[in-house]
Amino acid sequence: MANLTKRESEALGQLLLGEELACKKARIYANTLTDVALAGEMARIGEGHYERFCALLALIGGRV
């Protein structure tokens, strides 16, 4: 991994926090929605956020 500036590191940190929060919220919505189609869509959205979270984490050399 290339050396990151402080600003780049802070930006990645904010992106990680955002993706983590979005993933958690989508999973909560998926588990509480009564409409099966909407619940499935929220689960899919949550998985997308999780994948982006993992990709960002890999950029900084972290592990899930």
N, C-alpha and C. Protein backbone atom coordinates (compact mmCIF):
# COMPACT_ATOMS: atom_id res chain seq x y z
N MET A 1 0.84 -1.18 0.00
CA MET A 1 0.00 0.00 0.00
C MET A 1 0.88 1.24 0.00
N ALA A 2 0.49 2.23 -0.75
CA ALA A 2 1.23 3.48 -0.78
C ALA A 2 1.02 4.23 0.53
N ASN A 3 2.00 5.06 0.87
CA ASN A 3 1.85 5.88 2.08
C ASN A 3 0.74 6.89 1.87
N LEU A 4 -0.12 6.99 2.86
CA LEU A 4 -1.24 7.92 2.78
C LEU A 4 -0.93 9.17 3.58
N THR A 5 -1.44 10.29 3.09
CA THR A 5 -1.30 11.52 3.86
C THR A 5 -2.30 11.47 5.01
N LYS A 6 -2.14 12.38 5.94
CA LYS A 6 -3.07 12.45 7.07
C LYS A 6 -4.49 12.69 6.57
N ARG A 7 -4.63 13.57 5.61
CA ARG A 7 -5.95 13.89 5.07
C ARG A 7 -6.58 12.67 4.40
N GLU A 8 -5.78 11.92 3.65
CA GLU A 8 -6.30 10.72 3.00
C GLU A 8 -6.71 9.67 4.03
N SER A 9 -5.90 9.52 5.06
CA SER A 9 -6.23 8.57 6.13
C SER A 9 -7.52 8.95 6.83
N GLU A 10 -7.69 10.24 7.10
CA GLU A 10 -8.92 10.71 7.75
C GLU A 10 -10.13 10.48 6.86
N ALA A 11 -9.96 10.72 5.57
CA ALA A 11 -11.07 10.52 4.62
C ALA A 11 -11.45 9.04 4.57
N LEU A 12 -10.46 8.15 4.52
CA LEU A 12 -10.75 6.72 4.51
C LEU A 12 -11.44 6.30 5.81
N GLY A 13 -11.02 6.87 6.91
CA GLY A 13 -11.65 6.58 8.19
C GLY A 13 -13.12 6.98 8.19
N GLN A 14 -13.42 8.15 7.65
CA GLN A 14 -14.80 8.61 7.57
C GLN A 14 -15.63 7.71 6.64
N LEU A 15 -15.03 7.31 5.54
CA LEU A 15 -15.73 6.40 4.62
C LEU A 15 -16.02 5.06 5.28
N LEU A 16 -15.04 4.55 6.03
CA LEU A 16 -15.25 3.29 6.76
C LEU A 16 -16.40 3.41 7.74
N LEU A 17 -16.42 4.49 8.50
CA LEU A 17 -17.50 4.68 9.47
C LEU A 17 -18.86 4.77 8.78
N GLY A 18 -18.91 5.48 7.67
CA GLY A 18 -20.16 5.62 6.93
C GLY A 18 -20.67 4.31 6.38
N GLU A 19 -19.77 3.52 5.79
CA GLU A 19 -20.17 2.22 5.24
C GLU A 19 -20.60 1.27 6.35
N GLU A 20 -19.90 1.30 7.48
CA GLU A 20 -20.26 0.44 8.60
C GLU A 20 -21.66 0.79 9.12
N LEU A 21 -21.92 2.07 9.29
CA LEU A 21 -23.22 2.50 9.79
C LEU A 21 -24.34 2.16 8.79
N ALA A 22 -24.10 2.41 7.52
CA ALA A 22 -25.10 2.10 6.50
C ALA A 22 -25.40 0.61 6.45
N CYS A 23 -24.36 -0.21 6.59
CA CYS A 23 -24.53 -1.66 6.60
C CYS A 23 -25.39 -2.08 7.79
N LYS A 24 -25.07 -1.57 8.97
CA LYS A 24 -25.82 -1.93 10.17
C LYS A 24 -27.28 -1.51 10.06
N LYS A 25 -27.52 -0.30 9.56
CA LYS A 25 -28.89 0.18 9.43
C LYS A 25 -29.68 -0.67 8.43
N ALA A 26 -29.06 -0.98 7.29
CA ALA A 26 -29.74 -1.78 6.28
C ALA A 26 -30.08 -3.16 6.83
N ARG A 27 -29.18 -3.74 7.60
CA ARG A 27 -29.45 -5.06 8.19
C ARG A 27 -30.58 -4.99 9.21
N ILE A 28 -30.61 -3.93 9.98
CA ILE A 28 -31.70 -3.76 10.95
C ILE A 28 -33.02 -3.62 10.21
N TYR A 29 -33.05 -2.79 9.18
CA TYR A 29 -34.28 -2.62 8.40
C TYR A 29 -34.71 -3.94 7.76
N ALA A 30 -33.75 -4.70 7.24
CA ALA A 30 -34.07 -5.98 6.61
C ALA A 30 -34.73 -6.93 7.61
N ASN A 31 -34.30 -6.86 8.87
CA ASN A 31 -34.85 -7.75 9.89
C ASN A 31 -36.17 -7.26 10.48
N THR A 32 -36.51 -6.00 10.28
CA THR A 32 -37.74 -5.47 10.87
C THR A 32 -38.86 -5.24 9.85
N LEU A 33 -38.54 -5.17 8.58
CA LEU A 33 -39.57 -4.96 7.56
C LEU A 33 -40.46 -6.19 7.43
N THR A 34 -41.75 -5.96 7.25
CA THR A 34 -42.68 -7.08 7.09
C THR A 34 -42.89 -7.44 5.63
N ASP A 35 -42.61 -6.51 4.73
CA ASP A 35 -42.71 -6.78 3.30
C ASP A 35 -41.47 -7.58 2.89
N VAL A 36 -41.70 -8.80 2.43
CA VAL A 36 -40.59 -9.70 2.10
C VAL A 36 -39.70 -9.14 1.00
N ALA A 37 -40.29 -8.53 -0.01
CA ALA A 37 -39.50 -7.97 -1.12
C ALA A 37 -38.62 -6.83 -0.63
N LEU A 38 -39.19 -5.94 0.17
CA LEU A 38 -38.40 -4.83 0.71
C LEU A 38 -37.31 -5.33 1.65
N ALA A 39 -37.63 -6.31 2.46
CA ALA A 39 -36.63 -6.86 3.38
C ALA A 39 -35.47 -7.47 2.59
N GLY A 40 -35.78 -8.16 1.51
CA GLY A 40 -34.74 -8.74 0.67
C GLY A 40 -33.87 -7.68 0.03
N GLU A 41 -34.50 -6.61 -0.42
CA GLU A 41 -33.76 -5.50 -1.03
C GLU A 41 -32.85 -4.83 -0.01
N MET A 42 -33.34 -4.64 1.20
CA MET A 42 -32.51 -4.04 2.25
C MET A 42 -31.34 -4.95 2.61
N ALA A 43 -31.56 -6.25 2.62
CA ALA A 43 -30.47 -7.19 2.88
C ALA A 43 -29.41 -7.08 1.78
N ARG A 44 -29.86 -6.96 0.53
CA ARG A 44 -28.93 -6.82 -0.60
C ARG A 44 -28.14 -5.52 -0.48
N ILE A 45 -28.82 -4.45 -0.11
CA ILE A 45 -28.15 -3.16 0.07
C ILE A 45 -27.13 -3.24 1.20
N GLY A 46 -27.51 -3.89 2.29
CA GLY A 46 -26.58 -4.06 3.41
C GLY A 46 -25.34 -4.83 3.00
N GLU A 47 -25.51 -5.84 2.18
CA GLU A 47 -24.37 -6.62 1.70
C GLU A 47 -23.45 -5.77 0.84
N GLY A 48 -24.02 -4.89 0.03
CA GLY A 48 -23.21 -3.98 -0.77
C GLY A 48 -22.37 -3.06 0.09
N HIS A 49 -22.97 -2.54 1.15
CA HIS A 49 -22.22 -1.68 2.07
C HIS A 49 -21.10 -2.47 2.76
N TYR A 50 -21.40 -3.71 3.12
CA TYR A 50 -20.39 -4.54 3.77
C TYR A 50 -19.21 -4.80 2.82
N GLU A 51 -19.50 -5.07 1.56
CA GLU A 51 -18.44 -5.30 0.58
C GLU A 51 -17.56 -4.06 0.40
N ARG A 52 -18.20 -2.88 0.36
CA ARG A 52 -17.41 -1.65 0.24
C ARG A 52 -16.59 -1.41 1.50
N PHE A 53 -17.16 -1.71 2.66
CA PHE A 53 -16.43 -1.58 3.92
C PHE A 53 -15.17 -2.46 3.88
N CYS A 54 -15.32 -3.70 3.45
CA CYS A 54 -14.18 -4.62 3.37
C CYS A 54 -13.14 -4.14 2.37
N ALA A 55 -13.59 -3.60 1.24
CA ALA A 55 -12.65 -3.09 0.23
C ALA A 55 -11.86 -1.90 0.77
N LEU A 56 -12.54 -1.01 1.47
CA LEU A 56 -11.85 0.15 2.07
C LEU A 56 -10.87 -0.31 3.14
N LEU A 57 -11.28 -1.25 3.94
CA LEU A 57 -10.41 -1.78 4.99
C LEU A 57 -9.16 -2.42 4.40
N ALA A 58 -9.34 -3.11 3.29
CA ALA A 58 -8.20 -3.75 2.62
C ALA A 58 -7.21 -2.71 2.11
N LEU A 59 -7.71 -1.54 1.73
CA LEU A 59 -6.82 -0.47 1.26
C LEU A 59 -5.84 -0.01 2.33
N ILE A 60 -6.28 -0.07 3.57
CA ILE A 60 -5.39 0.37 4.65
C ILE A 60 -4.71 -0.80 5.35
N GLY A 61 -4.89 -1.99 4.78
CA GLY A 61 -4.20 -3.17 5.31
C GLY A 61 -4.84 -3.81 6.51
N GLY A 62 -6.11 -3.51 6.74
CA GLY A 62 -6.82 -4.09 7.87
C GLY A 62 -7.49 -5.40 7.49
N ARG A 63 -8.03 -6.05 8.50
CA ARG A 63 -8.75 -7.30 8.29
C ARG A 63 -10.12 -7.20 8.93
N VAL A 64 -11.07 -7.95 8.35
CA VAL A 64 -12.43 -7.97 8.89
C VAL A 64 -12.52 -9.00 9.97
